[in-house]
Amino acid sequence: MAALSTAAAPTIHELHSVAMTDDTRSRPHRFASVLATVTALLALAGCGAEVAGGAAVVGAMQAEQATQARQQQAQVVDGLKAAQAASLARAASAAD
């Protein structure tokens, strides 16, 4: 087990000054990192918009299919009503 250090922990000001004077990363490298991050975020945002657009298209297609299904259902119901009326008319004429 590692022994605990008795040295005082660095203060936030000491850590900040070390971070601000750290020259291990050059400015072009930092710029490239920031640019890559921004590009990745924009790409992800673009994918989100594309997915939302695709979902809207799918929703519109499903609404159109539902409308067509209701029209077909109405046609079937009308056909059944006509068949029932014809059947009742035949039964009434046969009873005469």
PDB file of N, CA and C in Angstrom:
ATOM      1  N   MET A   1       0.850  -1.162   0.000  1.00  0.00           N
ATOM      2  CA  MET A   1       0.000   0.000   0.000  1.00  0.00           C
ATOM      3  C   MET A   1       0.897   1.227   0.000  1.00  0.00           C
ATOM      4  N   ALA A   2       0.549   2.194  -0.858  1.00  0.00           N
ATOM      5  CA  ALA A   2       1.374   3.388  -0.974  1.00  0.00           C
ATOM      6  C   ALA A   2       1.213   4.255   0.261  1.00  0.00           C
ATOM      7  N   ALA A   3       2.325   4.861   0.649  1.00  0.00           N
ATOM      8  CA  ALA A   3       2.284   5.748   1.811  1.00  0.00           C
ATOM      9  C   ALA A   3       1.642   7.065   1.413  1.00  0.00           C
ATOM     10  N   LEU A   4       0.901   7.646   2.305  1.00  0.00           N
ATOM     11  CA  LEU A   4       0.268   8.928   2.050  1.00  0.00           C
ATOM     12  C   LEU A   4       1.318  10.031   2.090  1.00  0.00           C
ATOM     13  N   SER A   5       1.201  10.958   1.155  1.00  0.00           N
ATOM     14  CA  SER A   5       2.132  12.072   1.099  1.00  0.00           C
ATOM     15  C   SER A   5       1.762  13.091   2.167  1.00  0.00           C
ATOM     16  N   THR A   6       2.774  13.603   2.836  1.00  0.00           N
ATOM     17  CA  THR A   6       2.525  14.619   3.852  1.00  0.00           C
ATOM     18  C   THR A   6       2.694  16.025   3.294  1.00  0.00           C
ATOM     19  N   ALA A   7       3.077  16.117   1.996  1.00  0.00           N
ATOM     20  CA  ALA A   7       3.248  17.431   1.380  1.00  0.00           C
ATOM     21  C   ALA A   7       1.874  18.067   1.193  1.00  0.00           C
ATOM     22  N   ALA A   8       1.843  19.378   1.299  1.00  0.00           N
ATOM     23  CA  ALA A   8       0.587  20.096   1.141  1.00  0.00           C
ATOM     24  C   ALA A   8       0.137  20.016  -0.314  1.00  0.00           C
ATOM     25  N   ALA A   9      -1.146  19.888  -0.499  1.00  0.00           N
ATOM     26  CA  ALA A   9      -1.705  19.838  -1.854  1.00  0.00           C
ATOM     27  C   ALA A   9      -1.557  21.205  -2.499  1.00  0.00           C
ATOM     28  N   PRO A  10      -1.328  21.259  -3.819  1.00  0.00           N
ATOM     29  CA  PRO A  10      -1.185  22.554  -4.484  1.00  0.00           C
ATOM     30  C   PRO A  10      -2.517  23.309  -4.456  1.00  0.00           C
ATOM     31  N   THR A  11      -2.404  24.599  -4.387  1.00  0.00           N
ATOM     32  CA  THR A  11      -3.612  25.423  -4.376  1.00  0.00           C
ATOM     33  C   THR A  11      -4.135  25.566  -5.796  1.00  0.00           C
ATOM     34  N   ILE A  12      -5.343  26.053  -5.917  1.00  0.00           N
ATOM     35  CA  ILE A  12      -5.940  26.248  -7.233  1.00  0.00           C
ATOM     36  C   ILE A  12      -5.150  27.270  -8.047  1.00  0.00           C
ATOM     37  N   HIS A  13      -4.580  28.258  -7.368  1.00  0.00           N
ATOM     38  CA  HIS A  13      -3.788  29.270  -8.069  1.00  0.00           C
ATOM     39  C   HIS A  13      -2.513  28.665  -8.628  1.00  0.00           C
ATOM     40  N   GLU A  14      -1.896  27.770  -7.871  1.00  0.00           N
ATOM     41  CA  GLU A  14      -0.689  27.105  -8.363  1.00  0.00           C
ATOM     42  C   GLU A  14      -1.026  26.217  -9.564  1.00  0.00           C
ATOM     43  N   LEU A  15      -2.117  25.486  -9.479  1.00  0.00           N
ATOM     44  CA  LEU A  15      -2.515  24.636 -10.599  1.00  0.00           C
ATOM     45  C   LEU A  15      -2.832  25.484 -11.839  1.00  0.00           C
ATOM     46  N   HIS A  16      -3.499  26.604 -11.638  1.00  0.00           N
ATOM     47  CA  HIS A  16      -3.852  27.479 -12.746  1.00  0.00           C
ATOM     48  C   HIS A  16      -2.596  28.059 -13.403  1.00  0.00           C
ATOM     49  N   SER A  17      -1.639  28.468 -12.595  1.00  0.00           N
ATOM     50  CA  SER A  17      -0.427  29.050 -13.172  1.00  0.00           C
ATOM     51  C   SER A  17       0.360  28.003 -13.940  1.00  0.00           C
ATOM     52  N   VAL A  18       0.359  26.758 -13.482  1.00  0.00           N
ATOM     53  CA  VAL A  18       1.038  25.690 -14.215  1.00  0.00           C
ATOM     54  C   VAL A  18       0.316  25.418 -15.526  1.00  0.00           C
ATOM     55  N   ALA A  19      -1.008  25.409 -15.473  1.00  0.00           N
ATOM     56  CA  ALA A  19      -1.780  25.155 -16.694  1.00  0.00           C
ATOM     57  C   ALA A  19      -1.594  26.270 -17.705  1.00  0.00           C
ATOM     58  N   MET A  20      -1.488  27.497 -17.234  1.00  0.00           N
ATOM     59  CA  MET A  20      -1.360  28.628 -18.141  1.00  0.00           C
ATOM     60  C   MET A  20       0.035  28.739 -18.741  1.00  0.00           C
ATOM     61  N   THR A  21       1.035  28.195 -18.071  1.00  0.00           N
ATOM     62  CA  THR A  21       2.395  28.287 -18.594  1.00  0.00           C
ATOM     63  C   THR A  21       2.859  26.981 -19.207  1.00  0.00           C
ATOM     64  N   ASP A  22       1.987  25.985 -19.279  1.00  0.00           N
ATOM     65  CA  ASP A  22       2.356  24.689 -19.835  1.00  0.00           C
ATOM     66  C   ASP A  22       2.530  24.817 -21.344  1.00  0.00           C
ATOM     67  N   ASP A  23       3.738  24.618 -21.814  1.00  0.00           N
ATOM     68  CA  ASP A  23       4.019  24.740 -23.232  1.00  0.00           C
ATOM     69  C   ASP A  23       4.171  23.377 -23.890  1.00  0.00           C
ATOM     70  N   THR A  24       3.579  22.351 -23.322  1.00  0.00           N
ATOM     71  CA  THR A  24       3.716  21.021 -23.916  1.00  0.00           C
ATOM     72  C   THR A  24       2.891  20.892 -25.186  1.00  0.00           C
ATOM     73  N   ARG A  25       1.884  21.768 -25.363  1.00  0.00           N
ATOM     74  CA  ARG A  25       1.069  21.757 -26.575  1.00  0.00           C
ATOM     75  C   ARG A  25       1.215  23.112 -27.261  1.00  0.00           C
ATOM     76  N   SER A  26       1.592  23.075 -28.514  1.00  0.00           N
ATOM     77  CA  SER A  26       1.767  24.323 -29.245  1.00  0.00           C
ATOM     78  C   SER A  26       0.405  24.885 -29.651  1.00  0.00           C
ATOM     79  N   ARG A  27       0.390  26.157 -30.016  1.00  0.00           N
ATOM     80  CA  ARG A  27      -0.867  26.783 -30.437  1.00  0.00           C
ATOM     81  C   ARG A  27      -1.482  26.093 -31.657  1.00  0.00           C
ATOM     82  N   PRO A  28      -0.718  25.750 -32.691  1.00  0.00           N
ATOM     83  CA  PRO A  28      -1.343  25.067 -33.840  1.00  0.00           C
ATOM     84  C   PRO A  28      -1.978  23.735 -33.442  1.00  0.00           C
ATOM     85  N   HIS A  29      -1.350  23.028 -32.513  1.00  0.00           N
ATOM     86  CA  HIS A  29      -1.907  21.751 -32.066  1.00  0.00           C
ATOM     87  C   HIS A  29      -3.204  21.984 -31.310  1.00  0.00           C
ATOM     88  N   ARG A  30      -3.257  23.001 -30.477  1.00  0.00           N
ATOM     89  CA  ARG A  30      -4.489  23.329 -29.751  1.00  0.00           C
ATOM     90  C   ARG A  30      -5.584  23.717 -30.723  1.00  0.00           C
ATOM     91  N   PHE A  31      -5.221  24.541 -31.734  1.00  0.00           N
ATOM     92  CA  PHE A  31      -6.192  24.965 -32.738  1.00  0.00           C
ATOM     93  C   PHE A  31      -6.739  23.755 -33.487  1.00  0.00           C
ATOM     94  N   ALA A  32      -5.862  22.826 -33.834  1.00  0.00           N
ATOM     95  CA  ALA A  32      -6.293  21.626 -34.548  1.00  0.00           C
ATOM     96  C   ALA A  32      -7.244  20.802 -33.689  1.00  0.00           C
ATOM     97  N   SER A  33      -6.971  20.712 -32.395  1.00  0.00           N
ATOM     98  CA  SER A  33      -7.851  19.969 -31.496  1.00  0.00           C
ATOM     99  C   SER A  33      -9.222  20.627 -31.392  1.00  0.00           C
ATOM    100  N   VAL A  34      -9.220  21.945 -31.247  1.00  0.00           N
ATOM    101  CA  VAL A  34     -10.487  22.670 -31.153  1.00  0.00           C
ATOM    102  C   VAL A  34     -11.255  22.543 -32.470  1.00  0.00           C
ATOM    103  N   LEU A  35     -10.557  22.670 -33.583  1.00  0.00           N
ATOM    104  CA  LEU A  35     -11.188  22.566 -34.883  1.00  0.00           C
ATOM    105  C   LEU A  35     -11.788  21.172 -35.081  1.00  0.00           C
ATOM    106  N   ALA A  36     -11.069  20.142 -34.689  1.00  0.00           N
ATOM    107  CA  ALA A  36     -11.578  18.780 -34.815  1.00  0.00           C
ATOM    108  C   ALA A  36     -12.818  18.581 -33.945  1.00  0.00           C
ATOM    109  N   THR A  37     -12.803  19.139 -32.751  1.00  0.00           N
ATOM    110  CA  THR A  37     -13.950  19.015 -31.850  1.00  0.00           C
ATOM    111  C   THR A  37     -15.163  19.732 -32.418  1.00  0.00           C
ATOM    112  N   VAL A  38     -14.966  20.949 -32.894  1.00  0.00           N
ATOM    113  CA  VAL A  38     -16.077  21.712 -33.471  1.00  0.00           C
ATOM    114  C   VAL A  38     -16.625  21.002 -34.706  1.00  0.00           C
ATOM    115  N   THR A  39     -15.732  20.476 -35.547  1.00  0.00           N
ATOM    116  CA  THR A  39     -16.161  19.752 -36.744  1.00  0.00           C
ATOM    117  C   THR A  39     -16.980  18.523 -36.373  1.00  0.00           C
ATOM    118  N   ALA A  40     -16.534  17.781 -35.362  1.00  0.00           N
ATOM    119  CA  ALA A  40     -17.268  16.596 -34.921  1.00  0.00           C
ATOM    120  C   ALA A  40     -18.648  16.975 -34.392  1.00  0.00           C
ATOM    121  N   LEU A  41     -18.717  18.052 -33.625  1.00  0.00           N
ATOM    122  CA  LEU A  41     -20.012  18.487 -33.094  1.00  0.00           C
ATOM    123  C   LEU A  41     -20.952  18.916 -34.215  1.00  0.00           C
ATOM    124  N   LEU A  42     -20.430  19.634 -35.208  1.00  0.00           N
ATOM    125  CA  LEU A  42     -21.261  20.046 -36.334  1.00  0.00           C
ATOM    126  C   LEU A  42     -21.739  18.839 -37.138  1.00  0.00           C
ATOM    127  N   ALA A  43     -20.870  17.850 -37.290  1.00  0.00           N
ATOM    128  CA  ALA A  43     -21.264  16.639 -38.017  1.00  0.00           C
ATOM    129  C   ALA A  43     -22.372  15.913 -37.275  1.00  0.00           C
ATOM    130  N   LEU A  44     -22.239  15.827 -35.955  1.00  0.00           N
ATOM    131  CA  LEU A  44     -23.282  15.169 -35.168  1.00  0.00           C
ATOM    132  C   LEU A  44     -24.582  15.953 -35.228  1.00  0.00           C
ATOM    133  N   ALA A  45     -24.507  17.250 -35.207  1.00  0.00           N
ATOM    134  CA  ALA A  45     -25.710  18.071 -35.314  1.00  0.00           C
ATOM    135  C   ALA A  45     -26.353  17.878 -36.680  1.00  0.00           C
ATOM    136  N   GLY A  46     -25.544  17.776 -37.709  1.00  0.00           N
ATOM    137  CA  GLY A  46     -26.067  17.525 -39.052  1.00  0.00           C
ATOM    138  C   GLY A  46     -26.748  16.179 -39.142  1.00  0.00           C
ATOM    139  N   CYS A  47     -26.162  15.164 -38.495  1.00  0.00           N
ATOM    140  CA  CYS A  47     -26.791  13.844 -38.487  1.00  0.00           C
ATOM    141  C   CYS A  47     -28.128  13.902 -37.771  1.00  0.00           C
ATOM    142  N   GLY A  48     -28.194  14.659 -36.711  1.00  0.00           N
ATOM    143  CA  GLY A  48     -29.455  14.786 -35.982  1.00  0.00           C
ATOM    144  C   GLY A  48     -30.523  15.419 -36.840  1.00  0.00           C
ATOM    145  N   ALA A  49     -30.148  16.428 -37.610  1.00  0.00           N
ATOM    146  CA  ALA A  49     -31.113  17.076 -38.504  1.00  0.00           C
ATOM    147  C   ALA A  49     -31.554  16.120 -39.600  1.00  0.00           C
ATOM    148  N   GLU A  50     -30.612  15.329 -40.094  1.00  0.00           N
ATOM    149  CA  GLU A  50     -30.945  14.361 -41.141  1.00  0.00           C
ATOM    150  C   GLU A  50     -31.891  13.300 -40.602  1.00  0.00           C
ATOM    151  N   VAL A  51     -31.648  12.841 -39.396  1.00  0.00           N
ATOM    152  CA  VAL A  51     -32.527  11.842 -38.776  1.00  0.00           C
ATOM    153  C   VAL A  51     -33.913  12.432 -38.548  1.00  0.00           C
ATOM    154  N   ALA A  52     -33.967  13.670 -38.083  1.00  0.00           N
ATOM    155  CA  ALA A  52     -35.262  14.317 -37.865  1.00  0.00           C
ATOM    156  C   ALA A  52     -36.004  14.483 -39.180  1.00  0.00           C
ATOM    157  N   GLY A  53     -35.286  14.843 -40.224  1.00  0.00           N
ATOM    158  CA  GLY A  53     -35.916  14.968 -41.542  1.00  0.00           C
ATOM    159  C   GLY A  53     -36.427  13.630 -42.046  1.00  0.00           C
ATOM    160  N   GLY A  54     -35.640  12.595 -41.830  1.00  0.00           N
ATOM    161  CA  GLY A  54     -36.076  11.246 -42.222  1.00  0.00           C
ATOM    162  C   GLY A  54     -37.303  10.805 -41.446  1.00  0.00           C
ATOM    163  N   ALA A  55     -37.347  11.136 -40.170  1.00  0.00           N
ATOM    164  CA  ALA A  55     -38.507  10.784 -39.349  1.00  0.00           C
ATOM    165  C   ALA A  55     -39.749  11.527 -39.836  1.00  0.00           C
ATOM    166  N   ALA A  56     -39.578  12.763 -40.255  1.00  0.00           N
ATOM    167  CA  ALA A  56     -40.716  13.528 -40.772  1.00  0.00           C
ATOM    168  C   ALA A  56     -41.246  12.900 -42.054  1.00  0.00           C
ATOM    169  N   VAL A  57     -40.343  12.448 -42.917  1.00  0.00           N
ATOM    170  CA  VAL A  57     -40.762  11.802 -44.165  1.00  0.00           C
ATOM    171  C   VAL A  57     -41.505  10.508 -43.862  1.00  0.00           C
ATOM    172  N   VAL A  58     -40.975   9.723 -42.928  1.00  0.00           N
ATOM    173  CA  VAL A  58     -41.631   8.469 -42.548  1.00  0.00           C
ATOM    174  C   VAL A  58     -43.008   8.757 -41.953  1.00  0.00           C
ATOM    175  N   GLY A  59     -43.107   9.781 -41.123  1.00  0.00           N
ATOM    176  CA  GLY A  59     -44.391  10.152 -40.534  1.00  0.00           C
ATOM    177  C   GLY A  59     -45.398  10.551 -41.594  1.00  0.00           C
ATOM    178  N   ALA A  60     -44.959  11.296 -42.587  1.00  0.00           N
ATOM    179  CA  ALA A  60     -45.855  11.702 -43.675  1.00  0.00           C
ATOM    180  C   ALA A  60     -46.309  10.493 -44.483  1.00  0.00           C
ATOM    181  N   MET A  61     -45.386   9.552 -44.727  1.00  0.00           N
ATOM    182  CA  MET A  61     -45.749   8.346 -45.469  1.00  0.00           C
ATOM    183  C   MET A  61     -46.762   7.518 -44.690  1.00  0.00           C
ATOM    184  N   GLN A  62     -46.573   7.405 -43.391  1.00  0.00           N
ATOM    185  CA  GLN A  62     -47.502   6.640 -42.569  1.00  0.00           C
ATOM    186  C   GLN A  62     -48.872   7.310 -42.533  1.00  0.00           C
ATOM    187  N   ALA A  63     -48.910   8.626 -42.503  1.00  0.00           N
ATOM    188  CA  ALA A  63     -50.185   9.331 -42.526  1.00  0.00           C
ATOM    189  C   ALA A  63     -50.898   9.074 -43.852  1.00  0.00           C
ATOM    190  N   GLU A  64     -50.168   9.085 -44.953  1.00  0.00           N
ATOM    191  CA  GLU A  64     -50.756   8.804 -46.264  1.00  0.00           C
ATOM    192  C   GLU A  64     -51.280   7.372 -46.324  1.00  0.00           C
ATOM    193  N   GLN A  65     -50.517   6.430 -45.775  1.00  0.00           N
ATOM    194  CA  GLN A  65     -50.958   5.033 -45.752  1.00  0.00           C
ATOM    195  C   GLN A  65     -52.213   4.880 -44.898  1.00  0.00           C
ATOM    196  N   ALA A  66     -52.295   5.594 -43.793  1.00  0.00           N
ATOM    197  CA  ALA A  66     -53.479   5.527 -42.931  1.00  0.00           C
ATOM    198  C   ALA A  66     -54.691   6.091 -43.666  1.00  0.00           C
ATOM    199  N   THR A  67     -54.504   7.163 -44.409  1.00  0.00           N
ATOM    200  CA  THR A  67     -55.601   7.748 -45.193  1.00  0.00           C
ATOM    201  C   THR A  67     -56.090   6.756 -46.243  1.00  0.00           C
ATOM    202  N   GLN A  68     -55.152   6.111 -46.925  1.00  0.00           N
ATOM    203  CA  GLN A  68     -55.526   5.117 -47.937  1.00  0.00           C
ATOM    204  C   GLN A  68     -56.252   3.936 -47.308  1.00  0.00           C
ATOM    205  N   ALA A  69     -55.791   3.513 -46.132  1.00  0.00           N
ATOM    206  CA  ALA A  69     -56.437   2.393 -45.443  1.00  0.00           C
ATOM    207  C   ALA A  69     -57.867   2.761 -45.048  1.00  0.00           C
ATOM    208  N   ARG A  70     -58.090   3.988 -44.591  1.00  0.00           N
ATOM    209  CA  ARG A  70     -59.448   4.420 -44.239  1.00  0.00           C
ATOM    210  C   ARG A  70     -60.350   4.461 -45.478  1.00  0.00           C
ATOM    211  N   GLN A  71     -59.800   4.899 -46.611  1.00  0.00           N
ATOM    212  CA  GLN A  71     -60.582   4.923 -47.851  1.00  0.00           C
ATOM    213  C   GLN A  71     -60.972   3.502 -48.278  1.00  0.00           C
ATOM    214  N   GLN A  72     -60.019   2.573 -48.178  1.00  0.00           N
ATOM    215  CA  GLN A  72     -60.305   1.186 -48.531  1.00  0.00           C
ATOM    216  C   GLN A  72     -61.341   0.590 -47.582  1.00  0.00           C
ATOM    217  N   GLN A  73     -61.223   0.915 -46.303  1.00  0.00           N
ATOM    218  CA  GLN A  73     -62.184   0.424 -45.327  1.00  0.00           C
ATOM    219  C   GLN A  73     -63.588   0.956 -45.650  1.00  0.00           C
ATOM    220  N   ALA A  74     -63.685   2.215 -46.010  1.00  0.00           N
ATOM    221  CA  ALA A  74     -64.985   2.801 -46.361  1.00  0.00           C
ATOM    222  C   ALA A  74     -65.563   2.116 -47.597  1.00  0.00           C
ATOM    223  N   GLN A  75     -64.716   1.781 -48.566  1.00  0.00           N
ATOM    224  CA  GLN A  75     -65.193   1.085 -49.763  1.00  0.00           C
ATOM    225  C   GLN A  75     -65.716  -0.303 -49.416  1.00  0.00           C
ATOM    226  N   VAL A  76     -65.012  -1.009 -48.545  1.00  0.00           N
ATOM    227  CA  VAL A  76     -65.445  -2.347 -48.138  1.00  0.00           C
ATOM    228  C   VAL A  76     -66.770  -2.263 -47.388  1.00  0.00           C
ATOM    229  N   VAL A  77     -66.896  -1.297 -46.483  1.00  0.00           N
ATOM    230  CA  VAL A  77     -68.133  -1.133 -45.723  1.00  0.00           C
ATOM    231  C   VAL A  77     -69.286  -0.801 -46.666  1.00  0.00           C
ATOM    232  N   ASP A  78     -69.041   0.090 -47.629  1.00  0.00           N
ATOM    233  CA  ASP A  78     -70.083   0.425 -48.604  1.00  0.00           C
ATOM    234  C   ASP A  78     -70.491  -0.810 -49.404  1.00  0.00           C
ATOM    235  N   GLY A  79     -69.529  -1.625 -49.805  1.00  0.00           N
ATOM    236  CA  GLY A  79     -69.823  -2.858 -50.546  1.00  0.00           C
ATOM    237  C   GLY A  79     -70.644  -3.831 -49.712  1.00  0.00           C
ATOM    238  N   LEU A  80     -70.293  -3.957 -48.427  1.00  0.00           N
ATOM    239  CA  LEU A  80     -71.045  -4.853 -47.547  1.00  0.00           C
ATOM    240  C   LEU A  80     -72.475  -4.357 -47.346  1.00  0.00           C
ATOM    241  N   LYS A  81     -72.641  -3.045 -47.200  1.00  0.00           N
ATOM    242  CA  LYS A  81     -73.982  -2.476 -47.041  1.00  0.00           C
ATOM    243  C   LYS A  81     -74.819  -2.711 -48.298  1.00  0.00           C
ATOM    244  N   ALA A  82     -74.196  -2.545 -49.473  1.00  0.00           N
ATOM    245  CA  ALA A  82     -74.911  -2.782 -50.735  1.00  0.00           C
ATOM    246  C   ALA A  82     -75.302  -4.248 -50.860  1.00  0.00           C
ATOM    247  N   ALA A  83     -74.397  -5.149 -50.487  1.00  0.00           N
ATOM    248  CA  ALA A  83     -74.706  -6.580 -50.547  1.00  0.00           C
ATOM    249  C   ALA A  83     -75.828  -6.936 -49.574  1.00  0.00           C
ATOM    250  N   GLN A  84     -75.797  -6.352 -48.396  1.00  0.00           N
ATOM    251  CA  GLN A  84     -76.844  -6.608 -47.407  1.00  0.00           C
ATOM    252  C   GLN A  84     -78.196  -6.082 -47.915  1.00  0.00           C
ATOM    253  N   ALA A  85     -78.192  -4.904 -48.498  1.00  0.00           N
ATOM    254  CA  ALA A  85     -79.437  -4.333 -49.034  1.00  0.00           C
ATOM    255  C   ALA A  85     -79.987  -5.200 -50.155  1.00  0.00           C
ATOM    256  N   ALA A  86     -79.093  -5.692 -51.031  1.00  0.00           N
ATOM    257  CA  ALA A  86     -79.528  -6.557 -52.135  1.00  0.00           C
ATOM    258  C   ALA A  86     -80.091  -7.864 -51.587  1.00  0.00           C
ATOM    259  N   SER A  87     -79.434  -8.391 -50.571  1.00  0.00           N
ATOM    260  CA  SER A  87     -79.913  -9.631 -49.960  1.00  0.00           C
ATOM    261  C   SER A  87     -81.278  -9.438 -49.325  1.00  0.00           C
ATOM    262  N   LEU A  88     -81.477  -8.334 -48.619  1.00  0.00           N
ATOM    263  CA  LEU A  88     -82.770  -8.050 -48.002  1.00  0.00           C
ATOM    264  C   LEU A  88     -83.855  -7.840 -49.063  1.00  0.00           C
ATOM    265  N   ALA A  89     -83.502  -7.193 -50.191  1.00  0.00           N
ATOM    266  CA  ALA A  89     -84.446  -6.995 -51.269  1.00  0.00           C
ATOM    267  C   ALA A  89     -84.861  -8.322 -51.891  1.00  0.00           C
ATOM    268  N   ARG A  90     -83.897  -9.242 -52.088  1.00  0.00           N
ATOM    269  CA  ARG A  90     -84.208 -10.573 -52.628  1.00  0.00           C
ATOM    270  C   ARG A  90     -85.106 -11.338 -51.668  1.00  0.00           C
ATOM    271  N   ALA A  91     -84.799 -11.247 -50.378  1.00  0.00           N
ATOM    272  CA  ALA A  91     -85.610 -11.957 -49.382  1.00  0.00           C
ATOM    273  C   ALA A  91     -87.030 -11.404 -49.345  1.00  0.00           C
ATOM    274  N   ALA A  92     -87.169 -10.089 -49.500  1.00  0.00           N
ATOM    275  CA  ALA A  92     -88.490  -9.476 -49.475  1.00  0.00           C
ATOM    276  C   ALA A  92     -89.294  -9.866 -50.719  1.00  0.00           C
ATOM    277  N   SER A  93     -88.633  -9.925 -51.883  1.00  0.00           N
ATOM    278  CA  SER A  93     -89.346 -10.314 -53.112  1.00  0.00           C
ATOM    279  C   SER A  93     -89.691 -11.773 -53.105  1.00  0.00           C
ATOM    280  N   ALA A  94     -88.877 -12.597 -52.470  1.00  0.00           N
ATOM    281  CA  ALA A  94     -89.175 -14.026 -52.381  1.00  0.00           C
ATOM    282  C   ALA A  94     -90.330 -14.267 -51.434  1.00  0.00           C
ATOM    283  N   ALA A  95     -90.491 -13.430 -50.438  1.00  0.00           N
ATOM    284  CA  ALA A  95     -91.582 -13.593 -49.470  1.00  0.00           C
ATOM    285  C   ALA A  95     -92.911 -13.166 -50.072  1.00  0.00           C
ATOM    286  N   ASP A  96     -92.912 -12.354 -51.117  1.00  0.00           N
ATOM    287  CA  ASP A  96     -94.168 -11.895 -51.736  1.00  0.00           C
ATOM    288  C   ASP A  96     -94.807 -12.965 -52.488  1.00  0.00           C
TER     289      ASP A  96
END
